[in-house]
Amino acid sequence: MSQPAYGSAPRSAAGGAALSADELAEELNRVFAEEIEAAMRYLHLANAVRGLDRLTVEPILKRGFSETIQHAEVIAQKIRALGHVPRVELQIACPGEPVTARESLRIALTFEEAALEAYQDLLRRVEGDVPMEEFIRSQIALESAHVAELKELLVG
């Protein structure tokens, strides 16, 4: 039988028990995979943009890659702290076709919004586990900033 994620088992607002360490690790593995997939997509996009567009958008995409890898590393640390080993199951296909700067930013926006939704979903699932809630809220703030930046760049 698995132990609660942090000390005693807090109750969620719905009255159910908090996630066990095993369940929490499984949920974290899901967002870990989201971050790894996003990093791979950023890397691909940075290399799919051609011509003068590349000069303007490559630094943005490479920064997105680096930040997403950092997010994945933090999630992996949380999984290890629960006594588990991070597990990745990827479902990704990156076409071998060039894209414009605007297209690359639109594509990045879709996977950043997916990551934001994944964290928002996870926040609902960890309700009552205050340390994990605070961590997930900080990830939501980071993802929200990424989404806002991409939306701002796509205006016009």
N, C-alpha and C. Protein backbone atom coordinates (compact mmCIF):
# COMPACT_ATOMS: atom_id res chain seq x y z
N MET A 1 0.85 -1.18 0.00
CA MET A 1 0.00 0.00 0.00
C MET A 1 0.89 1.23 0.00
N SER A 2 0.60 2.21 -0.87
CA SER A 2 1.44 3.38 -0.97
C SER A 2 1.10 4.41 0.10
N GLN A 3 2.07 5.22 0.43
CA GLN A 3 1.92 6.25 1.45
C GLN A 3 1.37 7.52 0.81
N PRO A 4 0.71 8.39 1.59
CA PRO A 4 0.27 9.68 1.06
C PRO A 4 1.49 10.48 0.59
N ALA A 5 1.26 11.40 -0.33
CA ALA A 5 2.34 12.16 -0.94
C ALA A 5 3.16 12.94 0.08
N TYR A 6 2.52 13.57 1.05
CA TYR A 6 3.23 14.36 2.05
C TYR A 6 2.56 14.14 3.40
N GLY A 7 3.17 13.35 4.25
CA GLY A 7 2.66 13.17 5.61
C GLY A 7 1.27 12.58 5.64
N SER A 8 0.37 13.21 6.41
CA SER A 8 -0.99 12.69 6.51
C SER A 8 -1.76 12.98 5.23
N ALA A 9 -2.78 12.20 5.01
CA ALA A 9 -3.56 12.34 3.78
C ALA A 9 -4.56 13.47 3.91
N PRO A 10 -4.29 14.62 3.26
CA PRO A 10 -5.25 15.71 3.30
C PRO A 10 -6.49 15.32 2.49
N ARG A 11 -7.56 16.02 2.75
CA ARG A 11 -8.81 15.78 2.01
C ARG A 11 -8.95 16.84 0.93
N SER A 12 -9.51 16.43 -0.19
CA SER A 12 -9.79 17.41 -1.23
C SER A 12 -11.08 18.12 -0.88
N ALA A 13 -11.36 19.20 -1.61
CA ALA A 13 -12.59 19.96 -1.36
C ALA A 13 -13.82 19.08 -1.57
N ALA A 14 -13.70 18.10 -2.45
CA ALA A 14 -14.82 17.21 -2.72
C ALA A 14 -14.96 16.15 -1.61
N GLY A 15 -14.01 16.12 -0.68
CA GLY A 15 -14.10 15.21 0.44
C GLY A 15 -13.36 13.90 0.24
N GLY A 16 -12.80 13.67 -0.94
CA GLY A 16 -12.05 12.45 -1.20
C GLY A 16 -10.64 12.55 -0.67
N ALA A 17 -9.99 11.42 -0.54
CA ALA A 17 -8.61 11.40 -0.07
C ALA A 17 -7.69 11.97 -1.14
N ALA A 18 -6.58 12.56 -0.70
CA ALA A 18 -5.59 13.09 -1.62
C ALA A 18 -4.96 11.94 -2.40
N LEU A 19 -4.27 12.28 -3.46
CA LEU A 19 -3.58 11.27 -4.25
C LEU A 19 -2.51 10.58 -3.42
N SER A 20 -2.33 9.30 -3.63
CA SER A 20 -1.23 8.59 -3.00
C SER A 20 0.07 9.00 -3.70
N ALA A 21 1.20 8.65 -3.13
CA ALA A 21 2.50 8.96 -3.76
C ALA A 21 2.58 8.32 -5.14
N ASP A 22 2.07 7.10 -5.27
CA ASP A 22 2.09 6.42 -6.57
C ASP A 22 1.23 7.16 -7.59
N GLU A 23 0.04 7.56 -7.17
CA GLU A 23 -0.87 8.29 -8.07
C GLU A 23 -0.29 9.65 -8.45
N LEU A 24 0.30 10.33 -7.46
CA LEU A 24 0.91 11.62 -7.73
C LEU A 24 2.09 11.48 -8.70
N ALA A 25 2.90 10.46 -8.49
CA ALA A 25 4.02 10.22 -9.40
C ALA A 25 3.52 9.97 -10.82
N GLU A 26 2.42 9.25 -10.93
CA GLU A 26 1.83 8.98 -12.26
C GLU A 26 1.37 10.28 -12.92
N GLU A 27 0.72 11.14 -12.14
CA GLU A 27 0.28 12.43 -12.67
C GLU A 27 1.48 13.29 -13.07
N LEU A 28 2.52 13.28 -12.24
CA LEU A 28 3.72 14.05 -12.56
C LEU A 28 4.43 13.49 -13.80
N ASN A 29 4.41 12.18 -13.97
CA ASN A 29 4.98 11.58 -15.18
C ASN A 29 4.25 12.07 -16.43
N ARG A 30 2.96 12.28 -16.30
CA ARG A 30 2.18 12.79 -17.44
C ARG A 30 2.64 14.19 -17.84
N VAL A 31 2.81 15.09 -16.85
CA VAL A 31 3.27 16.44 -17.20
C VAL A 31 4.75 16.45 -17.56
N PHE A 32 5.51 15.51 -17.01
CA PHE A 32 6.92 15.36 -17.40
C PHE A 32 6.99 15.05 -18.90
N ALA A 33 6.16 14.13 -19.36
CA ALA A 33 6.14 13.78 -20.78
C ALA A 33 5.70 14.98 -21.63
N GLU A 34 4.73 15.76 -21.13
CA GLU A 34 4.29 16.97 -21.84
C GLU A 34 5.46 17.92 -22.04
N GLU A 35 6.25 18.10 -20.98
CA GLU A 35 7.40 19.02 -21.06
C GLU A 35 8.47 18.49 -22.02
N ILE A 36 8.75 17.19 -21.97
CA ILE A 36 9.74 16.60 -22.87
C ILE A 36 9.28 16.75 -24.32
N GLU A 37 8.01 16.46 -24.57
CA GLU A 37 7.47 16.62 -25.93
C GLU A 37 7.58 18.07 -26.39
N ALA A 38 7.25 19.00 -25.52
CA ALA A 38 7.33 20.42 -25.88
C ALA A 38 8.78 20.80 -26.20
N ALA A 39 9.73 20.30 -25.42
CA ALA A 39 11.14 20.59 -25.69
C ALA A 39 11.54 20.07 -27.06
N MET A 40 11.11 18.86 -27.38
CA MET A 40 11.44 18.29 -28.69
C MET A 40 10.81 19.12 -29.81
N ARG A 41 9.60 19.59 -29.60
CA ARG A 41 8.94 20.42 -30.60
C ARG A 41 9.65 21.76 -30.77
N TYR A 42 10.07 22.37 -29.66
CA TYR A 42 10.83 23.63 -29.75
C TYR A 42 12.12 23.41 -30.54
N LEU A 43 12.83 22.34 -30.23
CA LEU A 43 14.08 22.05 -30.93
C LEU A 43 13.82 21.85 -32.43
N HIS A 44 12.78 21.11 -32.74
CA HIS A 44 12.43 20.88 -34.14
C HIS A 44 12.08 22.20 -34.83
N LEU A 45 11.22 23.00 -34.21
CA LEU A 45 10.80 24.26 -34.81
C LEU A 45 11.98 25.20 -35.04
N ALA A 46 12.90 25.25 -34.09
CA ALA A 46 14.07 26.13 -34.23
C ALA A 46 14.89 25.75 -35.47
N ASN A 47 14.78 24.50 -35.87
CA ASN A 47 15.53 24.04 -37.04
C ASN A 47 14.67 23.95 -38.30
N ALA A 48 13.36 24.14 -38.17
CA ALA A 48 12.47 24.09 -39.32
C ALA A 48 12.23 25.46 -39.95
N VAL A 49 12.53 26.52 -39.21
CA VAL A 49 12.36 27.87 -39.74
C VAL A 49 13.55 28.19 -40.65
N ARG A 50 13.26 28.74 -41.80
CA ARG A 50 14.30 29.02 -42.80
C ARG A 50 14.38 30.51 -43.11
N GLY A 51 15.47 30.88 -43.77
CA GLY A 51 15.65 32.24 -44.28
C GLY A 51 15.76 33.28 -43.18
N LEU A 52 15.36 34.51 -43.53
CA LEU A 52 15.46 35.62 -42.59
C LEU A 52 14.57 35.43 -41.37
N ASP A 53 13.47 34.69 -41.54
CA ASP A 53 12.60 34.39 -40.39
C ASP A 53 13.38 33.75 -39.25
N ARG A 54 14.35 32.94 -39.62
CA ARG A 54 15.11 32.21 -38.61
C ARG A 54 15.85 33.16 -37.68
N LEU A 55 16.37 34.27 -38.24
CA LEU A 55 17.10 35.23 -37.42
C LEU A 55 16.23 35.82 -36.31
N THR A 56 14.95 36.01 -36.60
CA THR A 56 14.08 36.63 -35.60
C THR A 56 13.51 35.65 -34.59
N VAL A 57 13.20 34.44 -35.03
CA VAL A 57 12.46 33.52 -34.16
C VAL A 57 13.33 32.46 -33.50
N GLU A 58 14.47 32.14 -34.07
CA GLU A 58 15.30 31.07 -33.49
C GLU A 58 15.65 31.33 -32.02
N PRO A 59 16.07 32.54 -31.65
CA PRO A 59 16.38 32.76 -30.22
C PRO A 59 15.17 32.52 -29.30
N ILE A 60 13.99 32.87 -29.76
CA ILE A 60 12.78 32.66 -28.96
C ILE A 60 12.52 31.17 -28.79
N LEU A 61 12.64 30.43 -29.89
CA LEU A 61 12.39 28.99 -29.84
C LEU A 61 13.45 28.26 -29.01
N LYS A 62 14.69 28.68 -29.12
CA LYS A 62 15.75 28.03 -28.33
C LYS A 62 15.58 28.35 -26.84
N ARG A 63 15.14 29.56 -26.53
CA ARG A 63 14.87 29.89 -25.12
C ARG A 63 13.71 29.04 -24.60
N GLY A 64 12.69 28.86 -25.44
CA GLY A 64 11.56 27.99 -25.07
C GLY A 64 12.03 26.57 -24.82
N PHE A 65 12.94 26.09 -25.66
CA PHE A 65 13.51 24.75 -25.48
C PHE A 65 14.20 24.65 -24.11
N SER A 66 15.07 25.61 -23.82
CA SER A 66 15.83 25.59 -22.56
C SER A 66 14.91 25.67 -21.34
N GLU A 67 13.92 26.55 -21.40
CA GLU A 67 13.00 26.69 -20.27
C GLU A 67 12.17 25.43 -20.07
N THR A 68 11.77 24.81 -21.16
CA THR A 68 10.96 23.60 -21.07
C THR A 68 11.77 22.45 -20.50
N ILE A 69 13.04 22.35 -20.88
CA ILE A 69 13.92 21.33 -20.30
C ILE A 69 14.06 21.57 -18.79
N GLN A 70 14.19 22.84 -18.39
CA GLN A 70 14.27 23.15 -16.96
C GLN A 70 13.00 22.71 -16.23
N HIS A 71 11.85 22.96 -16.85
CA HIS A 71 10.59 22.52 -16.24
C HIS A 71 10.58 21.00 -16.07
N ALA A 72 11.02 20.29 -17.10
CA ALA A 72 11.05 18.82 -17.04
C ALA A 72 11.99 18.34 -15.92
N GLU A 73 13.12 19.02 -15.76
CA GLU A 73 14.07 18.63 -14.70
C GLU A 73 13.45 18.81 -13.32
N VAL A 74 12.71 19.89 -13.12
CA VAL A 74 12.06 20.13 -11.82
C VAL A 74 11.00 19.06 -11.56
N ILE A 75 10.22 18.73 -12.59
CA ILE A 75 9.20 17.69 -12.44
C ILE A 75 9.88 16.36 -12.11
N ALA A 76 10.99 16.05 -12.79
CA ALA A 76 11.71 14.80 -12.52
C ALA A 76 12.18 14.75 -11.07
N GLN A 77 12.63 15.88 -10.54
CA GLN A 77 13.05 15.92 -9.14
C GLN A 77 11.88 15.63 -8.21
N LYS A 78 10.70 16.17 -8.54
CA LYS A 78 9.51 15.91 -7.72
C LYS A 78 9.15 14.42 -7.76
N ILE A 79 9.27 13.81 -8.93
CA ILE A 79 8.97 12.38 -9.06
C ILE A 79 9.96 11.56 -8.23
N ARG A 80 11.24 11.92 -8.30
CA ARG A 80 12.26 11.20 -7.51
C ARG A 80 12.02 11.39 -6.01
N ALA A 81 11.58 12.58 -5.62
CA ALA A 81 11.31 12.84 -4.19
C ALA A 81 10.18 11.94 -3.68
N LEU A 82 9.33 11.48 -4.57
CA LEU A 82 8.25 10.57 -4.19
C LEU A 82 8.71 9.11 -4.19
N GLY A 83 10.00 8.88 -4.48
CA GLY A 83 10.54 7.53 -4.48
C GLY A 83 10.38 6.80 -5.80
N HIS A 84 10.10 7.52 -6.85
CA HIS A 84 9.90 6.92 -8.17
C HIS A 84 10.99 7.38 -9.13
N VAL A 85 11.06 6.73 -10.26
CA VAL A 85 11.96 7.12 -11.34
C VAL A 85 11.10 7.73 -12.43
N PRO A 86 11.47 8.91 -12.96
CA PRO A 86 10.67 9.50 -14.03
C PRO A 86 10.55 8.54 -15.22
N ARG A 87 9.34 8.50 -15.77
CA ARG A 87 9.05 7.62 -16.91
C ARG A 87 8.48 8.49 -18.02
N VAL A 88 8.92 8.21 -19.24
CA VAL A 88 8.46 9.01 -20.38
C VAL A 88 7.85 8.10 -21.43
N GLU A 89 6.64 8.42 -21.81
CA GLU A 89 5.98 7.78 -22.95
C GLU A 89 5.60 8.90 -23.89
N LEU A 90 6.29 8.98 -25.02
CA LEU A 90 6.07 10.08 -25.95
C LEU A 90 5.22 9.67 -27.13
N GLN A 91 4.41 10.59 -27.57
CA GLN A 91 3.61 10.43 -28.78
C GLN A 91 3.79 11.70 -29.59
N ILE A 92 4.84 11.73 -30.41
CA ILE A 92 5.18 12.96 -31.10
C ILE A 92 5.62 12.66 -32.53
N ALA A 93 5.21 13.52 -33.42
CA ALA A 93 5.66 13.47 -34.80
C ALA A 93 5.95 14.90 -35.24
N CYS A 94 7.14 15.14 -35.74
CA CYS A 94 7.53 16.46 -36.22
C CYS A 94 7.82 16.35 -37.72
N PRO A 95 6.98 16.98 -38.54
CA PRO A 95 7.15 16.85 -39.99
C PRO A 95 8.45 17.50 -40.47
N GLY A 96 9.01 16.94 -41.51
CA GLY A 96 10.26 17.46 -42.07
C GLY A 96 10.03 18.52 -43.11
N GLU A 97 9.22 19.51 -42.78
CA GLU A 97 8.89 20.59 -43.70
C GLU A 97 9.24 21.93 -43.07
N PRO A 98 9.70 22.89 -43.87
CA PRO A 98 10.00 24.21 -43.32
C PRO A 98 8.73 24.94 -42.88
N VAL A 99 8.88 25.82 -41.91
CA VAL A 99 7.78 26.66 -41.42
C VAL A 99 8.25 28.10 -41.35
N THR A 100 7.30 29.02 -41.39
CA THR A 100 7.63 30.43 -41.22
C THR A 100 7.75 30.74 -39.73
N ALA A 101 8.26 31.92 -39.44
CA ALA A 101 8.37 32.34 -38.04
C ALA A 101 6.99 32.37 -37.39
N ARG A 102 6.01 32.96 -38.08
CA ARG A 102 4.66 33.06 -37.54
C ARG A 102 4.07 31.67 -37.30
N GLU A 103 4.24 30.75 -38.25
CA GLU A 103 3.74 29.39 -38.08
C GLU A 103 4.40 28.71 -36.88
N SER A 104 5.70 28.91 -36.73
CA SER A 104 6.40 28.28 -35.60
C SER A 104 5.88 28.79 -34.27
N LEU A 105 5.56 30.08 -34.21
CA LEU A 105 5.02 30.65 -32.97
C LEU A 105 3.61 30.14 -32.71
N ARG A 106 2.80 29.98 -33.77
CA ARG A 106 1.45 29.42 -33.61
C ARG A 106 1.52 27.99 -33.09
N ILE A 107 2.44 27.22 -33.66
CA ILE A 107 2.61 25.82 -33.22
C ILE A 107 3.06 25.79 -31.76
N ALA A 108 4.04 26.63 -31.42
CA ALA A 108 4.52 26.69 -30.03
C ALA A 108 3.39 27.08 -29.09
N LEU A 109 2.53 28.00 -29.52
CA LEU A 109 1.41 28.41 -28.68
C LEU A 109 0.49 27.22 -28.38
N THR A 110 0.27 26.36 -29.36
CA THR A 110 -0.64 25.22 -29.12
C THR A 110 -0.07 24.27 -28.07
N PHE A 111 1.24 23.99 -28.13
CA PHE A 111 1.75 23.06 -27.12
C PHE A 111 2.00 23.73 -25.78
N GLU A 112 2.20 25.04 -25.75
CA GLU A 112 2.29 25.74 -24.46
C GLU A 112 0.91 25.78 -23.80
N GLU A 113 -0.13 25.99 -24.60
CA GLU A 113 -1.49 25.97 -24.04
C GLU A 113 -1.84 24.57 -23.53
N ALA A 114 -1.38 23.53 -24.22
CA ALA A 114 -1.63 22.16 -23.76
C ALA A 114 -0.92 21.91 -22.42
N ALA A 115 0.31 22.41 -22.28
CA ALA A 115 1.03 22.26 -21.02
C ALA A 115 0.31 23.00 -19.90
N LEU A 116 -0.15 24.21 -20.20
CA LEU A 116 -0.89 24.99 -19.20
C LEU A 116 -2.14 24.22 -18.75
N GLU A 117 -2.87 23.65 -19.69
CA GLU A 117 -4.06 22.87 -19.34
C GLU A 117 -3.70 21.64 -18.50
N ALA A 118 -2.58 21.01 -18.82
CA ALA A 118 -2.16 19.83 -18.05
C ALA A 118 -1.87 20.21 -16.60
N TYR A 119 -1.20 21.35 -16.39
CA TYR A 119 -0.91 21.80 -15.03
C TYR A 119 -2.19 22.20 -14.30
N GLN A 120 -3.12 22.86 -15.01
CA GLN A 120 -4.38 23.25 -14.38
C GLN A 120 -5.17 22.01 -13.96
N ASP A 121 -5.16 20.99 -14.79
CA ASP A 121 -5.82 19.73 -14.46
C ASP A 121 -5.15 19.09 -13.24
N LEU A 122 -3.82 19.10 -13.23
CA LEU A 122 -3.09 18.51 -12.11
C LEU A 122 -3.38 19.26 -10.81
N LEU A 123 -3.51 20.57 -10.89
CA LEU A 123 -3.82 21.36 -9.69
C LEU A 123 -5.13 20.89 -9.06
N ARG A 124 -6.12 20.63 -9.88
CA ARG A 124 -7.40 20.13 -9.34
C ARG A 124 -7.22 18.77 -8.68
N ARG A 125 -6.34 17.95 -9.22
CA ARG A 125 -6.14 16.59 -8.71
C ARG A 125 -5.34 16.58 -7.39
N VAL A 126 -4.51 17.61 -7.13
CA VAL A 126 -3.69 17.60 -5.91
C VAL A 126 -4.27 18.49 -4.82
N GLU A 127 -5.50 18.92 -5.01
CA GLU A 127 -6.14 19.79 -4.04
C GLU A 127 -6.03 19.20 -2.63
N GLY A 128 -5.56 20.02 -1.69
CA GLY A 128 -5.39 19.57 -0.31
C GLY A 128 -3.95 19.26 0.04
N ASP A 129 -3.11 19.06 -0.96
CA ASP A 129 -1.67 18.83 -0.77
C ASP A 129 -0.98 20.18 -1.00
N VAL A 130 -0.93 20.99 0.05
CA VAL A 130 -0.52 22.38 -0.06
C VAL A 130 0.85 22.56 -0.72
N PRO A 131 1.89 21.82 -0.33
CA PRO A 131 3.18 22.01 -1.01
C PRO A 131 3.10 21.72 -2.51
N MET A 132 2.39 20.68 -2.89
CA MET A 132 2.26 20.35 -4.30
C MET A 132 1.39 21.39 -5.02
N GLU A 133 0.34 21.84 -4.35
CA GLU A 133 -0.50 22.89 -4.93
C GLU A 133 0.34 24.13 -5.24
N GLU A 134 1.18 24.53 -4.30
CA GLU A 134 2.01 25.72 -4.51
C GLU A 134 3.00 25.51 -5.66
N PHE A 135 3.59 24.34 -5.74
CA PHE A 135 4.50 24.04 -6.84
C PHE A 135 3.76 24.11 -8.18
N ILE A 136 2.60 23.48 -8.25
CA ILE A 136 1.84 23.46 -9.50
C ILE A 136 1.39 24.88 -9.86
N ARG A 137 1.00 25.66 -8.87
CA ARG A 137 0.62 27.06 -9.15
C ARG A 137 1.80 27.83 -9.74
N SER A 138 3.00 27.57 -9.25
CA SER A 138 4.17 28.27 -9.81
C SER A 138 4.42 27.83 -11.26
N GLN A 139 4.17 26.56 -11.56
CA GLN A 139 4.31 26.08 -12.94
C GLN A 139 3.23 26.70 -13.83
N ILE A 140 2.03 26.85 -13.29
CA ILE A 140 0.95 27.49 -14.05
C ILE A 140 1.32 28.93 -14.36
N ALA A 141 1.92 29.62 -13.40
CA ALA A 141 2.34 31.01 -13.64
C ALA A 141 3.38 31.07 -14.76
N LEU A 142 4.35 30.15 -14.75
CA LEU A 142 5.36 30.12 -15.79
C LEU A 142 4.75 29.83 -17.16
N GLU A 143 3.88 28.82 -17.21
CA GLU A 143 3.25 28.46 -18.49
C GLU A 143 2.35 29.60 -18.98
N SER A 144 1.65 30.25 -18.06
CA SER A 144 0.80 31.38 -18.44
C SER A 144 1.63 32.51 -19.05
N ALA A 145 2.81 32.75 -18.49
CA ALA A 145 3.70 33.77 -19.04
C ALA A 145 4.17 33.39 -20.44
N HIS A 146 4.47 32.11 -20.66
CA HIS A 146 4.88 31.66 -21.99
C HIS A 146 3.75 31.86 -23.01
N VAL A 147 2.55 31.48 -22.61
CA VAL A 147 1.38 31.63 -23.49
C VAL A 147 1.17 33.10 -23.82
N ALA A 148 1.23 33.96 -22.80
CA ALA A 148 1.03 35.40 -23.02
C ALA A 148 2.08 35.98 -23.96
N GLU A 149 3.33 35.56 -23.79
CA GLU A 149 4.41 36.06 -24.65
C GLU A 149 4.18 35.65 -26.10
N LEU A 150 3.82 34.39 -26.31
CA LEU A 150 3.58 33.92 -27.67
C LEU A 150 2.39 34.64 -28.31
N LYS A 151 1.34 34.84 -27.54
CA LYS A 151 0.17 35.57 -28.06
C LYS A 151 0.54 36.99 -28.44
N GLU A 152 1.36 37.63 -27.61
CA GLU A 152 1.80 38.99 -27.89
C GLU A 152 2.62 39.03 -29.19
N LEU A 153 3.49 38.06 -29.39
CA LEU A 153 4.30 38.03 -30.60
C LEU A 153 3.47 37.77 -31.85
N LEU A 154 2.34 37.10 -31.69
CA LEU A 154 1.49 36.78 -32.84
C LEU A 154 0.51 37.89 -33.21
N VAL A 155 0.41 38.94 -32.39
CA VAL A 155 -0.50 40.05 -32.69
C VAL A 155 0.04 40.80 -33.90
N GLY A 156 -0.86 41.13 -34.79
CA GLY A 156 -0.48 41.96 -35.95
C GLY A 156 -0.26 41.27 -37.23
